């Protein structure tokens, strides 16, 4: 862009940039050019001032080693500060309230989409006072045992049914609180 041509060298100062064929590419107005130059100068000066201030502070503290020793002293003071009893109690209460509200909000916002088989399983278990094996549920609903077992496992993931396992026998199933709540909220039972 800059050549030995005096016009090209002075044109940059005037705000006009040209290519090798001396055709104008664009013109920078003077105020915009002054603004860009001023921003460049001020940013460079500002960076130099910040670097100088930081360097002087480190030097006044005895170099990097002195600064490290002072920061260790401040860290020890902060670690050994006595915490008032009310602050400890408040912290425990805040953590407990946060955990409770988080669980409560998650259980309120969850509304699963259940298919017809899962709803039929929940309705059947709501009418049964005792726990039942998957075979009895499958026979009463006229559905394959593997399909019923799959849907019972899915419902157990969301704590809608309770799986009661015994050693050496297949698990029994019972309606749990979330399943009962789902049926009541969707007005499937009263």
Foldseek 3Di string as FASTA:
>chain_A
DDDPPVCQVVQVVCQWHADPVRDTDDGDHPVVVVVVVVVVVVVVVVVVVVVVVVVVVCVVLVHPVSVVVVVVVVVVCVVPDDDDPVVVVVVVVVVVVVVVVVVVVVLVPDQDDDDPLLLLLLVVLVPDPDWAALVVSCVVVVHDSVVSVVSQVVCVVVPQKDWADDPPDGTTIHGGDSVVVNCVVVVVDD
